[in-house]
Amino acid sequence: MRSPRLSLVFFLFTLISFAQKANYNVALIPDSLKQNANAVVRLDQMDITIASQRSMNIKTQRVVTVLNEKGLRHIDAYQHYDKTTSISNIEAIVYDAAGNEIKKIKRKDFKDQSAVSGSTLFSDSRVVYLSYTPISYPFTIAYSCETETSNTAFIPRWYFLGGYNVSVEKCVLNVSYPSDLGFKKRNFSFLDII
């Protein structure tokens, strides 16, 4: 006979694991977000941790449901790197319209090329990007990437609107840093940039 404690722990673990699994069924997207859209950004999250003046960690998560061929350009599954920036993890998972996983894409399946056009042979700037050809529409890609950099002069740019005919369901930017770092920041609202 099983111990009640062991059963309770197993039940809680199963419940937590189930609750954390995201559901990317296209039917769950509100109609207002799909109207006139080629893609819907379900999640665009960037977590920036500045550990010191010479160490910054950036975690990016981007989940995009591509509704038609024109929406492919909104996937944005790429990452630049160079001598000061390394990619510690990069992957993508493809889901069908019902939210079922159909393919997992690891680092070795991403394309890697120079980030500079063929005019120079001496550039260390490179880009890793996902080149995916779908078998049907709509589909969803959940992309994640983690980078480490010693360049902390500026945090990465964060665009919460990616262009025309794309809807955004959720966008998050988190920046954390030690209080004694002397981090300089400027707050502004949309009214300041219009």
Protein backbone atom coordinates (compact mmCIF):
# COMPACT_ATOMS: atom_id res chain seq x y z
CA MET A 1 0.00 0.00 0.00
CA ARG A 2 1.28 3.46 -0.94
CA SER A 3 2.06 6.05 1.62
CA PRO A 4 -0.45 8.98 1.61
CA ARG A 5 2.46 11.41 1.77
CA LEU A 6 4.10 9.94 -1.32
CA SER A 7 0.78 10.06 -3.20
CA LEU A 8 0.26 13.70 -2.21
CA VAL A 9 3.78 14.67 -3.34
CA PHE A 10 3.28 12.87 -6.69
CA PHE A 11 -0.13 14.56 -7.15
CA LEU A 12 1.30 18.03 -6.42
CA PHE A 13 4.26 17.45 -8.77
CA THR A 14 1.90 16.32 -11.54
CA LEU A 15 -0.41 19.29 -10.92
CA ILE A 16 2.47 21.80 -11.02
CA SER A 17 3.97 20.24 -14.16
CA PHE A 18 0.61 20.29 -15.91
CA ALA A 19 -0.10 23.88 -14.86
CA GLN A 20 3.23 25.12 -16.23
CA LYS A 21 2.71 23.62 -19.70
CA ALA A 22 1.48 26.36 -22.02
CA ASN A 23 -1.40 25.72 -24.39
CA TYR A 24 -0.71 27.09 -27.87
CA ASN A 25 -3.98 26.06 -29.47
CA VAL A 26 -4.82 28.69 -32.10
CA ALA A 27 -8.49 28.53 -31.10
CA LEU A 28 -7.54 30.15 -27.75
CA ILE A 29 -6.42 33.38 -29.44
CA PRO A 30 -9.16 36.03 -29.20
CA ASP A 31 -10.77 36.81 -32.57
CA SER A 32 -9.93 40.49 -32.11
CA LEU A 33 -6.19 39.61 -32.27
CA LYS A 34 -6.58 37.42 -35.37
CA GLN A 35 -8.60 39.97 -37.34
CA ASN A 36 -6.46 41.43 -40.19
CA ALA A 37 -3.35 39.78 -38.69
CA ASN A 38 -0.76 37.64 -40.45
CA ALA A 39 0.75 36.60 -37.09
CA VAL A 40 0.01 36.86 -33.39
CA VAL A 41 2.82 37.29 -30.87
CA ARG A 42 1.56 35.18 -27.97
CA LEU A 43 4.56 36.06 -25.77
CA ASP A 44 7.57 38.30 -26.21
CA GLN A 45 9.65 38.30 -23.02
CA MET A 46 13.17 39.53 -22.34
CA ASP A 47 14.80 39.01 -18.95
CA ILE A 48 18.03 40.98 -18.51
CA THR A 49 20.26 40.36 -15.51
CA ILE A 50 23.22 42.69 -15.06
CA ALA A 51 25.51 40.99 -12.56
CA SER A 52 28.40 43.46 -12.75
CA GLN A 53 29.90 46.13 -14.99
CA ARG A 54 31.28 43.36 -17.19
CA SER A 55 28.61 40.68 -17.07
CA MET A 56 25.08 40.65 -18.46
CA ASN A 57 22.76 37.69 -19.07
CA ILE A 58 19.85 38.00 -21.52
CA LYS A 59 17.06 35.43 -21.75
CA THR A 60 14.61 35.82 -24.60
CA GLN A 61 11.34 33.97 -25.12
CA ARG A 62 9.19 34.57 -28.17
CA VAL A 63 6.06 32.62 -29.04
CA VAL A 64 4.51 33.49 -32.39
CA THR A 65 1.48 31.98 -34.07
CA VAL A 66 1.87 32.36 -37.83
CA LEU A 67 -1.55 32.54 -39.47
CA ASN A 68 -0.42 32.66 -43.11
CA GLU A 69 2.68 32.92 -45.31
CA LYS A 70 2.96 36.68 -44.83
CA GLY A 71 3.33 36.12 -41.09
CA LEU A 72 6.61 34.17 -41.44
CA ARG A 73 8.70 37.35 -41.15
CA HIS A 74 7.37 37.94 -37.62
CA ILE A 75 8.96 34.79 -36.16
CA ASP A 76 12.21 36.71 -35.40
CA ALA A 77 14.11 33.62 -34.23
CA TYR A 78 17.69 34.86 -34.54
CA GLN A 79 20.58 35.98 -32.36
CA HIS A 80 23.73 38.00 -33.08
CA TYR A 81 27.00 37.13 -31.38
CA ASP A 82 30.67 38.16 -31.48
CA LYS A 83 33.82 38.17 -29.31
CA THR A 84 31.99 39.81 -26.39
CA THR A 85 28.68 37.95 -26.66
CA SER A 86 28.20 34.18 -26.54
CA ILE A 87 25.05 32.10 -27.02
CA SER A 88 24.70 29.64 -24.15
CA ASN A 89 21.37 28.18 -25.30
CA ILE A 90 19.09 28.53 -28.32
CA GLU A 91 16.15 26.37 -29.39
CA ALA A 92 12.68 26.42 -30.87
CA ILE A 93 9.62 24.19 -30.68
CA VAL A 94 7.01 24.07 -33.43
CA TYR A 95 3.35 23.40 -32.60
CA ASP A 96 0.45 22.65 -34.93
CA ALA A 97 -2.87 24.55 -34.93
CA ALA A 98 -4.19 22.42 -32.05
CA GLY A 99 -1.13 23.17 -29.91
CA ASN A 100 0.51 19.74 -30.32
CA GLU A 101 4.31 19.69 -30.51
CA ILE A 102 5.44 18.62 -33.98
CA LYS A 103 9.15 19.48 -34.02
CA LYS A 104 11.96 20.49 -31.65
CA ILE A 105 14.78 22.52 -33.19
CA LYS A 106 18.17 22.54 -31.42
CA ARG A 107 21.23 24.79 -31.90
CA LYS A 108 22.75 22.51 -34.55
CA ASP A 109 19.62 22.96 -36.72
CA PHE A 110 19.89 26.76 -36.76
CA LYS A 111 21.81 28.45 -39.59
CA ASP A 112 25.02 30.28 -38.63
CA GLN A 113 26.56 32.92 -40.88
CA SER A 114 28.47 36.19 -40.90
CA ALA A 115 26.32 39.15 -39.90
CA VAL A 116 28.21 41.35 -42.35
CA SER A 117 27.68 41.16 -46.10
CA GLY A 118 30.40 39.64 -48.26
CA SER A 119 32.32 42.94 -48.49
CA THR A 120 34.65 42.07 -45.59
CA LEU A 121 36.46 38.93 -44.55
CA PHE A 122 37.59 40.20 -41.14
CA SER A 123 34.38 40.54 -39.15
CA ASP A 124 33.70 38.60 -35.96
CA SER A 125 30.04 39.57 -35.97
CA ARG A 126 27.85 36.53 -36.67
CA VAL A 127 24.18 35.62 -36.56
CA VAL A 128 22.39 32.36 -35.77
CA TYR A 129 18.90 32.15 -37.25
CA LEU A 130 16.03 29.74 -37.73
CA SER A 131 15.04 28.86 -41.28
CA TYR A 132 11.79 26.91 -41.04
CA THR A 133 9.46 25.87 -43.86
CA PRO A 134 6.00 25.04 -42.50
CA ILE A 135 3.89 22.17 -43.79
CA SER A 136 0.61 23.97 -43.05
CA TYR A 137 -0.88 27.13 -41.53
CA PRO A 138 -1.54 28.20 -38.85
CA PHE A 139 1.33 26.99 -36.66
CA THR A 140 3.16 28.30 -33.59
CA ILE A 141 6.88 28.62 -32.88
CA ALA A 142 8.14 28.96 -29.32
CA TYR A 143 11.70 30.33 -29.53
CA SER A 144 14.07 30.76 -26.60
CA CYS A 145 17.63 32.02 -26.39
CA GLU A 146 20.11 32.83 -23.63
CA THR A 147 23.22 34.92 -24.14
CA GLU A 148 26.09 36.12 -21.97
CA THR A 149 27.96 39.33 -22.72
CA SER A 150 30.70 41.44 -21.20
CA ASN A 151 29.35 44.53 -22.99
CA THR A 152 27.05 46.26 -20.50
CA ALA A 153 27.16 49.79 -21.92
CA PHE A 154 23.60 49.42 -23.27
CA ILE A 155 20.86 46.90 -22.75
CA PRO A 156 19.41 45.30 -25.91
CA ARG A 157 16.67 47.14 -27.76
CA TRP A 158 13.22 45.82 -27.03
CA TYR A 159 10.43 46.27 -29.55
CA PHE A 160 6.98 45.38 -28.33
CA LEU A 161 5.39 46.15 -31.72
CA GLY A 162 6.98 44.35 -34.65
CA GLY A 163 5.23 45.86 -37.63
CA TYR A 164 1.96 45.96 -39.52
CA ASN A 165 -0.62 43.16 -39.51
CA VAL A 166 0.76 41.55 -36.37
CA SER A 167 -1.06 41.42 -33.02
CA VAL A 168 0.54 41.18 -29.60
CA GLU A 169 -1.03 39.17 -26.80
CA LYS A 170 1.63 39.59 -24.09
CA CYS A 171 4.95 41.48 -23.85
CA VAL A 172 7.27 41.56 -20.84
CA LEU A 173 10.61 43.22 -20.13
CA ASN A 174 12.43 42.54 -16.85
CA VAL A 175 15.73 44.20 -15.92
CA SER A 176 17.51 43.34 -12.69
CA TYR A 177 20.82 44.68 -11.40
CA PRO A 178 22.63 45.17 -8.07
CA SER A 179 21.57 48.39 -6.35
CA ASP A 180 25.21 49.44 -5.87
CA LEU A 181 26.05 49.16 -9.58
CA GLY A 182 25.28 52.80 -10.38
CA PHE A 183 22.89 51.89 -13.19
CA LYS A 184 21.68 54.95 -15.12
CA LYS A 185 18.16 54.87 -16.53
CA ARG A 186 15.61 57.14 -18.09
CA ASN A 187 11.87 56.59 -17.92
CA PHE A 188 9.59 57.93 -20.62
CA SER A 189 6.04 57.41 -21.79
CA PHE A 190 4.51 57.13 -25.25
CA LEU A 191 3.66 60.82 -25.09
CA ASP A 192 7.38 61.64 -24.85
CA ILE A 193 8.21 59.86 -28.11
CA ILE A 194 5.29 61.04 -30.24
